[in-house]
Amino acid sequence: MKVDLRQRMLEGKSELPRVGRVVRGAGLFPPYIVLAGDGCEVEAVTEYLKDLALSDASVLTPRSYGYDLLRWFRLLAVLEVAWDRAAPSEVDVLVGWMKSAPNPQRRRAPGGPRPGAVNPSTGKASLMAGYAPRTINHCLTVIHGFYAFHAAAGRGPVVNPVPESRQQRAALSHRSPLETKPAVRRGRLRQKVPQQIPRAIPDRRWDELFAEMRCDRDRALLEIYVSSGARASELLGALAEDVDWAGQLIYVISKGTGLRQGVPVSPQGLRYLAAYLGEGEPLPPGDPLWRTRRGESRPLTYWAMRRILQRANERLATNWTLHDLRHTAATRMANGGTLTLTEVQEILRHADINTTGLYLTARIEDMFDRLQEHYTRPRPTRTYASADDMKAVFGE
């Protein structure tokens, strides 16, 4: 019976019970905890997340890791295996289930495009119904770290149930950041992640999207996103005193470093921002810069901003995302010819210049225009010299 259950889970034919949850912790360490299906705290996960928070990780990192571990503990409960008795066979079932089962977070509107369908206007494919390869790899990394932490404390199984690539560890152990990353085999169960190209919005499509914004607040947000290259959550977290009008900057808390850094803003973005702020009472220092417009005034959240973009997508029959705005800004800066690649890296706050170099690509619309010029260019006609011309050159 257990063999049949494992096979059904491996092939995604059985659902994983959605029991337990990730909630805020009572203190700072850890900021999040995992509750089992009976409502009791999972102590083993709490110890790991506390160590993660003490290691100066982002506040959201324990939350993300908590959801991966919650999924793992749900599977162990179904298979009736204690966490400290887990073996590689249980990890096999987890990977098989994530590769074949539908992702409950993939909410598809009635009449919407089927999973994986390519949008004819943007050329972007919609999300697949299952878990992405990058998500599976992240889950394996979290579980491996969880068992490595407990193994160092003398708890858990002797052998980490999540395999790792020794060849990769040996190749990257003493590599300089300036060296080319060596090609090594992926570890067992690790998924192949395709290289994604930057998803820049073409200029014509950008004009259409911008025209769908219904107020100065939304116009200011889109213009500042595409002129500064700031991440969606960074810009939405700006406060009233973070705008440097004279310097044409907005200060944000950088996702990577956690430092307060200034990002450039176009004059047009500042004009829309001034018009938005002029609609209401002046914001006191410490108040969020971006607020809701309907009902009680509240800070504008990431999900609310995403819904604004979704409504515009529904009207245009497109599928642009907030992160596409950052890709658009990076592509324009890298290919504009006025900024060096190092300057673009500084503005975008990339840790590795190779990441910035990915945006040095030819845009499809530019190639289309040049091809049209090539196709419409008249073919040269062949002419032959006359007898009089030959005599003038070579004589009688």
Protein backbone atom coordinates (compact mmCIF):
# COMPACT_ATOMS: atom_id res chain seq x y z
CA MET A 1 0.00 0.00 0.00
CA LYS A 2 2.82 2.41 0.86
CA VAL A 3 4.54 1.53 -2.43
CA ASP A 4 1.40 2.51 -4.35
CA LEU A 5 1.16 5.76 -2.37
CA ARG A 6 4.78 6.64 -3.13
CA GLN A 7 4.26 5.94 -6.82
CA ARG A 8 1.11 8.08 -6.96
CA MET A 9 2.91 10.92 -5.19
CA LEU A 10 5.93 10.52 -7.47
CA GLU A 11 3.71 10.92 -10.54
CA GLY A 12 1.65 13.78 -9.09
CA LYS A 13 -1.57 11.73 -9.03
CA SER A 14 -2.16 12.38 -5.32
CA GLU A 15 -2.54 15.82 -3.81
CA LEU A 16 -0.30 17.04 -1.03
CA PRO A 17 -2.57 18.03 1.89
CA ARG A 18 -2.37 21.77 2.45
CA VAL A 19 -2.04 21.56 6.20
CA GLY A 20 0.17 23.69 8.40
CA ARG A 21 1.29 27.24 7.68
CA VAL A 22 4.10 29.76 7.95
CA VAL A 23 3.39 32.52 10.49
CA ARG A 24 5.21 35.39 12.14
CA GLY A 25 7.36 34.44 15.09
CA ALA A 26 6.89 35.88 18.54
CA GLY A 27 10.27 37.64 18.35
CA LEU A 28 12.94 38.65 15.89
CA PHE A 29 14.81 35.34 15.87
CA PRO A 30 13.32 33.71 13.97
CA PRO A 31 11.02 36.22 12.28
CA TYR A 32 8.90 33.34 10.89
CA ILE A 33 8.05 29.87 12.17
CA VAL A 34 6.37 26.81 10.67
CA LEU A 35 3.28 25.26 12.22
CA ALA A 36 2.38 21.63 11.56
CA GLY A 37 -1.10 20.41 10.66
CA ASP A 38 -2.06 20.12 14.34
CA GLY A 39 -1.07 23.75 14.96
CA CYS A 40 2.10 22.89 16.89
CA GLU A 41 5.39 24.61 16.11
CA VAL A 42 7.96 22.49 14.26
CA GLU A 43 10.92 22.93 16.59
CA ALA A 44 13.51 21.53 14.17
CA VAL A 45 12.55 24.14 11.56
CA THR A 46 12.49 26.93 14.17
CA GLU A 47 16.09 26.20 15.18
CA TYR A 48 17.22 26.30 11.57
CA LEU A 49 15.36 29.51 10.71
CA LYS A 50 16.70 31.15 13.86
CA ASP A 51 20.26 30.33 12.83
CA LEU A 52 19.48 31.68 9.36
CA ALA A 53 18.19 34.96 10.77
CA LEU A 54 21.20 35.31 13.08
CA SER A 55 23.48 34.84 10.07
CA ASP A 56 22.35 38.27 8.78
CA ALA A 57 20.00 36.94 6.11
CA SER A 58 17.18 39.08 4.80
CA VAL A 59 13.96 39.01 6.85
CA LEU A 60 12.16 37.47 3.90
CA THR A 61 14.68 34.64 3.53
CA PRO A 62 13.41 32.67 6.57
CA ARG A 63 9.89 33.15 5.24
CA SER A 64 10.83 31.74 1.83
CA TYR A 65 12.75 28.85 3.40
CA GLY A 66 9.85 28.20 5.75
CA TYR A 67 7.47 27.53 2.85
CA ASP A 68 9.92 25.08 1.26
CA LEU A 69 10.32 23.22 4.54
CA LEU A 70 6.55 23.25 5.10
CA ARG A 71 6.14 21.47 1.76
CA TRP A 72 8.81 18.95 2.79
CA PHE A 73 7.17 18.22 6.15
CA ARG A 74 3.78 17.82 4.47
CA LEU A 75 5.26 15.13 2.24
CA LEU A 76 6.95 13.38 5.17
CA ALA A 77 3.61 13.34 7.01
CA VAL A 78 1.91 11.69 4.04
CA LEU A 79 4.68 9.10 3.73
CA GLU A 80 4.68 8.61 7.55
CA VAL A 81 8.43 9.26 7.82
CA ALA A 82 10.01 11.23 10.67
CA TRP A 83 12.18 14.15 9.55
CA ASP A 84 15.30 12.69 11.19
CA ARG A 85 14.75 9.37 9.38
CA ALA A 86 14.41 10.82 5.90
CA ALA A 87 16.41 9.19 3.09
CA PRO A 88 17.15 10.07 -0.55
CA SER A 89 14.10 8.03 -1.60
CA GLU A 90 11.82 10.62 0.05
CA VAL A 91 13.61 13.41 -1.83
CA ASP A 92 13.00 11.48 -5.07
CA VAL A 93 9.27 11.48 -4.32
CA LEU A 94 9.34 15.23 -3.61
CA VAL A 95 11.09 16.07 -6.88
CA GLY A 96 8.79 13.76 -8.85
CA TRP A 97 5.72 15.35 -7.28
CA MET A 98 6.94 18.90 -8.00
CA LYS A 99 7.72 17.98 -11.62
CA SER A 100 4.30 16.45 -12.30
CA ALA A 101 1.75 18.03 -9.91
CA PRO A 102 0.05 21.38 -10.63
CA ASN A 103 1.28 24.37 -8.68
CA PRO A 104 -1.60 25.72 -6.53
CA GLN A 105 -0.19 29.25 -6.88
CA ARG A 106 -0.84 29.20 -10.65
CA ARG A 107 -4.28 30.79 -10.61
CA ARG A 108 -5.81 30.88 -14.09
CA ALA A 109 -8.73 33.18 -14.79
CA PRO A 110 -11.76 31.67 -16.57
CA GLY A 111 -11.23 31.98 -20.30
CA GLY A 112 -7.58 32.91 -19.80
CA PRO A 113 -4.71 31.52 -21.87
CA ARG A 114 -3.71 27.94 -21.32
CA PRO A 115 -0.49 27.30 -19.36
CA GLY A 116 2.57 27.82 -21.52
CA ALA A 117 0.68 29.61 -24.32
CA VAL A 118 2.61 32.41 -26.06
CA ASN A 119 0.98 35.84 -26.02
CA PRO A 120 0.81 37.10 -29.64
CA SER A 121 1.31 40.73 -28.60
CA THR A 122 4.30 40.35 -26.28
CA GLY A 123 5.84 37.08 -27.44
CA LYS A 124 6.03 35.94 -23.79
CA ALA A 125 4.78 32.54 -22.70
CA SER A 126 2.38 32.31 -19.78
CA LEU A 127 3.46 30.35 -16.72
CA MET A 128 3.32 26.58 -16.84
CA ALA A 129 0.88 24.71 -14.60
CA GLY A 130 3.61 23.01 -12.54
CA TYR A 131 6.64 24.09 -10.55
CA ALA A 132 9.49 25.79 -12.41
CA PRO A 133 12.93 24.10 -12.49
CA ARG A 134 14.41 27.00 -10.53
CA THR A 135 11.79 26.48 -7.79
CA ILE A 136 12.66 22.78 -7.53
CA ASN A 137 16.36 23.57 -7.26
CA HIS A 138 15.69 26.19 -4.58
CA CYS A 139 13.66 23.68 -2.57
CA LEU A 140 16.49 21.12 -2.76
CA THR A 141 19.00 23.75 -1.60
CA VAL A 142 16.82 24.66 1.40
CA ILE A 143 16.32 21.04 2.48
CA HIS A 144 20.04 20.32 2.06
CA GLY A 145 20.90 23.30 4.26
CA PHE A 146 18.34 22.23 6.85
CA TYR A 147 19.92 18.78 7.23
CA ALA A 148 23.47 20.14 7.07
CA PHE A 149 22.63 22.46 10.00
CA HIS A 150 21.27 19.62 12.11
CA ALA A 151 24.11 17.28 11.12
CA ALA A 152 26.61 19.82 12.49
CA ALA A 153 24.72 19.69 15.80
CA GLY A 154 24.69 15.87 15.84
CA ARG A 155 21.03 15.51 14.91
CA GLY A 156 19.24 14.01 11.95
CA PRO A 157 20.36 11.27 9.52
CA VAL A 158 24.04 10.47 9.08
CA VAL A 159 23.89 11.12 5.33
CA ASN A 160 22.22 14.23 3.98
CA PRO A 161 19.17 13.00 2.01
CA VAL A 162 19.66 15.68 -0.65
CA PRO A 163 22.60 14.75 -2.91
CA GLU A 164 25.17 17.31 -3.97
CA SER A 165 27.64 17.52 -6.84
CA ARG A 166 31.15 16.96 -5.46
CA GLN A 167 32.60 17.85 -8.86
CA GLN A 168 30.92 21.25 -8.76
CA ARG A 169 31.98 21.89 -5.16
CA ALA A 170 35.61 21.07 -6.02
CA ALA A 171 35.56 23.21 -9.18
CA LEU A 172 34.10 26.28 -7.48
CA SER A 173 35.89 26.06 -4.13
CA HIS A 174 38.92 28.20 -5.11
CA ARG A 175 37.62 30.03 -8.18
CA SER A 176 38.36 33.71 -8.60
CA PRO A 177 35.33 35.87 -9.51
CA LEU A 178 37.30 37.06 -12.56
CA GLU A 179 37.64 33.52 -13.91
CA THR A 180 35.14 31.96 -16.27
CA LYS A 181 32.72 29.69 -14.48
CA PRO A 182 33.68 26.09 -15.34
CA ALA A 183 31.15 23.73 -16.89
CA VAL A 184 30.37 20.88 -14.50
CA ARG A 185 27.68 18.25 -14.26
CA ARG A 186 24.60 19.13 -12.28
CA GLY A 187 24.06 17.36 -9.00
CA ARG A 188 21.62 14.49 -8.92
CA LEU A 189 17.97 15.61 -9.06
CA ARG A 190 18.99 19.18 -9.94
CA GLN A 191 16.93 20.54 -12.81
CA LYS A 192 18.26 22.23 -15.92
CA VAL A 193 17.38 25.93 -15.80
CA PRO A 194 17.12 27.55 -19.25
CA GLN A 195 18.91 30.83 -19.79
CA GLN A 196 16.29 33.58 -19.99
CA ILE A 197 16.77 36.53 -22.29
CA PRO A 198 15.87 40.04 -21.03
CA ARG A 199 12.16 40.79 -21.46
CA ALA A 200 12.31 44.42 -22.55
CA ILE A 201 9.07 46.11 -23.59
CA PRO A 202 9.31 47.52 -27.15
CA ASP A 203 8.84 51.28 -27.44
CA ARG A 204 5.48 51.00 -29.22
CA ARG A 205 4.13 48.56 -26.64
CA TRP A 206 5.46 50.77 -23.86
CA ASP A 207 3.49 53.73 -25.20
CA GLU A 208 0.34 51.59 -25.23
CA LEU A 209 0.90 50.40 -21.68
CA PHE A 210 1.64 53.89 -20.37
CA ALA A 211 -1.53 55.24 -22.02
CA GLU A 212 -3.57 52.73 -19.98
CA MET A 213 -2.52 54.28 -16.67
CA ARG A 214 -5.53 56.10 -15.21
CA CYS A 215 -3.94 58.53 -12.74
CA ASP A 216 -0.76 60.51 -12.09
CA ARG A 217 0.31 58.09 -9.35
CA ASP A 218 0.34 55.13 -11.75
CA ARG A 219 2.01 57.19 -14.48
CA ALA A 220 4.70 58.33 -12.04
CA LEU A 221 5.34 54.76 -10.92
CA LEU A 222 5.73 53.40 -14.44
CA GLU A 223 7.92 56.29 -15.59
CA ILE A 224 10.17 56.03 -12.53
CA TYR A 225 10.40 52.24 -12.87
CA VAL A 226 11.55 52.45 -16.47
CA SER A 227 13.91 55.40 -15.94
CA SER A 228 15.56 54.22 -12.70
CA GLY A 229 15.61 50.44 -13.10
CA ALA A 230 14.53 50.06 -9.45
CA ARG A 231 12.96 46.80 -8.39
CA ALA A 232 9.22 46.81 -7.76
CA SER A 233 9.41 46.29 -3.99
CA GLU A 234 12.30 48.77 -3.60
CA LEU A 235 10.39 51.68 -5.13
CA LEU A 236 7.15 50.86 -3.32
CA GLY A 237 9.05 50.97 -0.02
CA ALA A 238 10.19 54.58 -0.50
CA LEU A 239 9.15 57.15 2.12
CA ALA A 240 8.10 60.79 1.75
CA GLU A 241 11.57 62.11 2.60
CA ASP A 242 13.32 59.78 0.14
CA VAL A 243 12.74 62.08 -2.86
CA ASP A 244 15.68 64.34 -3.73
CA TRP A 245 14.02 66.84 -6.06
CA ALA A 246 17.16 68.87 -6.76
CA GLY A 247 19.34 65.84 -7.39
CA GLN A 248 16.63 64.00 -9.37
CA LEU A 249 17.01 60.92 -7.15
CA ILE A 250 14.81 58.62 -5.11
CA TYR A 251 16.45 56.74 -2.27
CA VAL A 252 15.50 53.08 -1.89
CA ILE A 253 16.61 50.20 0.32
CA SER A 254 18.58 47.97 -2.04
CA LYS A 255 17.45 44.36 -2.08
CA GLY A 256 20.94 42.91 -2.32
CA THR A 257 22.86 44.96 0.24
CA GLY A 258 20.10 46.39 2.44
CA LEU A 259 21.72 49.83 2.08
CA ARG A 260 19.89 53.07 1.37
CA GLN A 261 20.97 54.05 -2.14
CA GLY A 262 19.85 56.70 -4.60
CA VAL A 263 18.48 55.79 -8.01
CA PRO A 264 18.16 58.32 -10.86
CA VAL A 265 14.72 59.52 -11.95
CA SER A 266 13.81 61.16 -15.25
CA PRO A 267 12.43 64.73 -15.21
CA GLN A 268 9.16 63.42 -16.64
CA GLY A 269 8.86 60.96 -13.77
CA LEU A 270 9.36 63.77 -11.26
CA ARG A 271 6.67 65.85 -12.98
CA TYR A 272 4.14 63.04 -12.65
CA LEU A 273 5.25 62.49 -9.06
CA ALA A 274 4.73 66.18 -8.25
CA ALA A 275 1.26 66.08 -9.83
CA TYR A 276 0.38 62.98 -7.76
CA LEU A 277 1.61 64.50 -4.50
CA GLY A 278 -0.24 67.73 -5.26
CA GLU A 279 -3.59 65.92 -5.25
CA GLY A 280 -3.73 65.52 -1.45
CA GLU A 281 -2.32 66.76 1.80
CA PRO A 282 1.48 66.96 2.18
CA LEU A 283 2.96 63.72 3.45
CA PRO A 284 4.75 63.97 6.80
CA PRO A 285 8.27 62.44 7.09
CA GLY A 286 8.13 58.71 7.72
CA ASP A 287 4.93 58.15 5.71
CA PRO A 288 5.03 55.86 2.64
CA LEU A 289 5.42 57.77 -0.59
CA TRP A 290 2.93 55.62 -2.52
CA ARG A 291 -0.58 55.25 -1.11
CA THR A 292 -3.95 53.89 -2.21
CA ARG A 293 -6.48 56.26 -3.76
CA ARG A 294 -9.78 54.59 -2.82
CA GLY A 295 -11.20 54.09 0.66
CA GLU A 296 -8.97 54.59 3.67
CA SER A 297 -5.50 55.78 2.73
CA ARG A 298 -3.08 52.88 3.07
CA PRO A 299 0.44 52.13 1.76
CA LEU A 300 0.38 50.79 -1.79
CA THR A 301 1.52 47.16 -1.65
CA TYR A 302 3.29 45.08 -4.26
CA TRP A 303 0.13 43.04 -4.87
CA ALA A 304 -1.96 46.18 -5.39
CA MET A 305 0.56 47.51 -7.92
CA ARG A 306 0.61 44.16 -9.67
CA ARG A 307 -3.17 44.29 -9.92
CA ILE A 308 -2.95 47.72 -11.57
CA LEU A 309 -0.69 46.22 -14.23
CA GLN A 310 -2.96 43.19 -14.60
CA ARG A 311 -5.96 45.38 -15.36
CA ALA A 312 -3.95 47.18 -18.05
CA ASN A 313 -2.91 43.79 -19.45
CA GLU A 314 -6.53 42.70 -19.64
CA ARG A 315 -7.43 45.75 -21.69
CA LEU A 316 -4.42 45.35 -24.01
CA ALA A 317 -4.48 41.51 -24.18
CA THR A 318 -0.83 41.44 -23.02
CA ASN A 319 1.03 39.77 -20.14
CA TRP A 320 3.67 42.27 -19.00
CA THR A 321 4.95 42.04 -15.42
CA LEU A 322 6.46 44.52 -13.00
CA HIS A 323 9.91 43.00 -13.43
CA ASP A 324 9.67 43.61 -17.18
CA LEU A 325 9.92 47.32 -16.37
CA ARG A 326 13.38 46.76 -14.81
CA HIS A 327 14.43 44.70 -17.85
CA THR A 328 13.24 47.52 -20.11
CA ALA A 329 15.23 50.11 -18.18
CA ALA A 330 18.37 47.95 -18.25
CA THR A 331 18.07 47.25 -21.99
CA ARG A 332 17.60 50.93 -22.81
CA MET A 333 20.57 51.98 -20.70
CA ALA A 334 22.92 49.28 -21.97
CA ASN A 335 22.11 49.83 -25.65
CA GLY A 336 21.57 53.61 -25.66
CA GLY A 337 25.20 54.42 -26.42
CA THR A 338 25.53 57.14 -23.76
CA LEU A 339 26.37 55.02 -20.68
CA THR A 340 29.22 52.59 -20.22
CA LEU A 341 28.49 49.07 -19.00
CA THR A 342 30.10 49.87 -15.65
CA GLU A 343 27.81 52.87 -15.21
CA VAL A 344 24.77 50.74 -16.01
CA GLN A 345 25.94 48.18 -13.46
CA GLU A 346 26.18 50.91 -10.82
CA ILE A 347 22.70 52.24 -11.57
CA LEU A 348 21.10 48.79 -11.54
CA ARG A 349 23.19 47.73 -8.52
CA HIS A 350 24.26 44.40 -10.02
CA ALA A 351 26.87 42.51 -8.03
CA ASP A 352 28.43 41.00 -11.19
CA ILE A 353 29.03 42.94 -14.38
CA ASN A 354 28.34 39.77 -16.35
CA THR A 355 24.71 40.10 -15.27
CA THR A 356 24.62 43.60 -16.72
CA GLY A 357 26.23 42.31 -19.91
CA LEU A 358 23.19 40.14 -20.61
CA TYR A 359 21.30 43.28 -21.64
CA LEU A 360 23.73 44.06 -24.48
CA THR A 361 21.45 42.47 -27.04
CA ALA A 362 19.91 43.61 -30.30
CA ARG A 363 16.24 44.42 -29.88
CA ILE A 364 13.80 42.69 -32.22
CA GLU A 365 12.08 45.92 -33.27
CA ASP A 366 15.44 47.50 -34.20
CA MET A 367 16.40 44.50 -36.31
CA PHE A 368 12.98 44.58 -38.00
CA ASP A 369 13.41 48.22 -39.04
CA ARG A 370 16.87 47.57 -40.44
CA LEU A 371 15.68 44.49 -42.31
CA GLN A 372 12.90 46.54 -43.90
CA GLU A 373 15.50 49.05 -45.08
CA HIS A 374 17.56 46.16 -46.48
CA TYR A 375 14.59 44.63 -48.31
CA THR A 376 13.42 47.94 -49.81
CA ARG A 377 16.88 49.07 -50.94
CA PRO A 378 17.00 48.99 -54.78
CA ARG A 379 19.31 46.43 -56.34
CA PRO A 380 22.29 47.95 -58.17
CA THR A 381 21.99 47.75 -61.95
CA ARG A 382 24.90 46.53 -64.00
CA THR A 383 26.11 48.92 -66.74
CA TYR A 384 28.60 48.41 -69.53
CA ALA A 385 31.02 50.94 -70.98
CA SER A 386 30.32 52.21 -74.51
CA ALA A 387 32.77 51.96 -77.42
CA ASP A 388 33.62 55.66 -77.13
CA ASP A 389 34.46 55.22 -73.44
CA MET A 390 36.74 52.28 -74.23
CA LYS A 391 38.57 54.32 -76.86
CA ALA A 392 39.01 57.24 -74.43
CA VAL A 393 40.61 54.96 -71.84
CA PHE A 394 42.64 52.58 -73.91
CA GLY A 395 43.06 54.56 -77.16
CA GLU A 396 42.56 53.36 -80.76
